[in-house]
């Protein structure tokens, strides 16, 4: 019986992880101590409201390499500038929803 319950719990976790968006997955995998499932899910919800899928995949890389955010923010590339405006809106939304 314990094996069956364990297998069921693993399948639920696998489905949850598969349904998680790129921001939530990056948040959960980060080494930040406050990366709880509920907080990371909330941040993903804010991302879903403010960022495209491509933006989310790009922003998720900042969890692994925070310096990359600074590089993008300071870039003269017009697509980076436009992304940064959307990313700032995402940050404000996430702070209001999840902070």
Protein backbone atom coordinates (compact mmCIF):
# COMPACT_ATOMS: atom_id res chain seq x y z
CA UNK A 1 0.00 0.00 0.00
CA UNK A 2 2.87 2.39 0.82
CA UNK A 3 4.38 1.77 -2.61
CA UNK A 4 1.10 2.67 -4.29
CA UNK A 5 0.75 5.89 -2.28
CA UNK A 6 4.37 6.81 -3.05
CA UNK A 7 3.86 6.16 -6.77
CA UNK A 8 0.71 8.29 -6.77
CA UNK A 9 2.52 11.14 -5.02
CA UNK A 10 5.37 10.99 -7.55
CA UNK A 11 2.96 11.10 -10.48
CA UNK A 12 1.21 14.16 -9.02
CA UNK A 13 4.56 15.91 -8.61
CA UNK A 14 5.57 15.01 -12.16
CA UNK A 15 2.32 16.44 -13.54
CA UNK A 16 2.76 19.61 -11.45
CA UNK A 17 6.32 20.09 -12.66
CA UNK A 18 5.28 19.50 -16.26
CA UNK A 19 2.56 22.15 -15.97
CA UNK A 20 4.84 24.69 -14.30
CA UNK A 21 5.92 27.56 -16.50
CA UNK A 22 9.52 28.51 -17.16
CA UNK A 23 9.62 31.17 -14.44
CA UNK A 24 8.17 28.82 -11.81
CA UNK A 25 10.59 26.04 -12.75
CA UNK A 26 13.57 28.41 -12.62
CA UNK A 27 12.39 29.80 -9.29
CA UNK A 28 12.01 26.33 -7.78
CA UNK A 29 15.43 25.27 -9.04
CA UNK A 30 17.18 28.40 -7.80
CA UNK A 31 19.28 28.37 -4.65
CA UNK A 32 17.20 31.09 -3.01
CA UNK A 33 15.99 29.96 0.39
CA UNK A 34 12.51 31.47 -0.03
CA UNK A 35 11.69 29.72 -3.31
CA UNK A 36 8.57 27.97 -2.05
CA UNK A 37 6.15 26.31 -4.44
CA UNK A 38 3.41 28.82 -3.58
CA UNK A 39 5.68 31.85 -4.05
CA UNK A 40 7.16 30.52 -7.29
CA UNK A 41 3.65 29.71 -8.55
CA UNK A 42 2.51 33.24 -7.74
CA UNK A 43 5.48 34.69 -9.60
CA UNK A 44 4.60 32.47 -12.58
CA UNK A 45 1.02 33.79 -12.48
CA UNK A 46 2.37 37.35 -12.69
CA UNK A 47 4.59 36.30 -15.60
CA UNK A 48 1.59 34.79 -17.40
CA UNK A 49 -0.18 38.15 -17.15
CA UNK A 50 2.71 40.32 -18.31
CA UNK A 51 5.23 38.33 -20.38
CA UNK A 52 5.04 36.29 -23.56
CA UNK A 53 6.27 32.70 -23.52
CA UNK A 54 9.50 33.79 -25.20
CA UNK A 55 9.94 36.56 -22.62
CA UNK A 56 9.41 34.04 -19.82
CA UNK A 57 12.02 31.65 -21.19
CA UNK A 58 14.47 34.54 -21.57
CA UNK A 59 13.78 35.89 -18.07
CA UNK A 60 14.04 32.42 -16.51
CA UNK A 61 17.74 32.46 -17.36
CA UNK A 62 18.19 35.33 -14.88
CA UNK A 63 17.56 32.90 -12.01
CA UNK A 64 20.67 30.92 -13.02
CA UNK A 65 22.77 33.93 -14.00
CA UNK A 66 21.55 37.16 -12.34
CA UNK A 67 24.35 39.14 -14.00
CA UNK A 68 22.64 38.50 -17.34
CA UNK A 69 19.76 40.74 -16.19
CA UNK A 70 22.20 43.60 -15.73
CA UNK A 71 23.71 42.98 -19.15
CA UNK A 72 20.26 43.09 -20.77
CA UNK A 73 19.21 46.16 -18.76
CA UNK A 74 22.29 48.09 -19.91
CA UNK A 75 22.15 46.88 -23.50
CA UNK A 76 21.67 49.33 -26.36
CA UNK A 77 19.83 46.66 -28.33
CA UNK A 78 16.28 47.88 -29.01
CA UNK A 79 14.73 44.44 -28.46
CA UNK A 80 16.48 44.25 -25.08
CA UNK A 81 15.15 47.71 -24.20
CA UNK A 82 11.60 46.67 -25.10
CA UNK A 83 11.99 43.42 -23.17
CA UNK A 84 13.29 45.32 -20.15
CA UNK A 85 10.18 47.50 -20.06
CA UNK A 86 7.98 44.37 -20.06
CA UNK A 87 10.22 42.75 -17.46
CA UNK A 88 9.91 45.78 -15.16
CA UNK A 89 6.10 45.58 -15.48
CA UNK A 90 6.34 41.88 -14.60
CA UNK A 91 8.42 42.70 -11.52
CA UNK A 92 5.94 45.31 -10.35
CA UNK A 93 3.05 42.91 -10.89
CA UNK A 94 4.80 40.06 -9.10
CA UNK A 95 5.64 42.31 -6.16
CA UNK A 96 2.03 43.49 -5.88
CA UNK A 97 0.59 39.96 -6.16
CA UNK A 98 3.18 37.97 -4.25
CA UNK A 99 4.99 40.43 -1.98
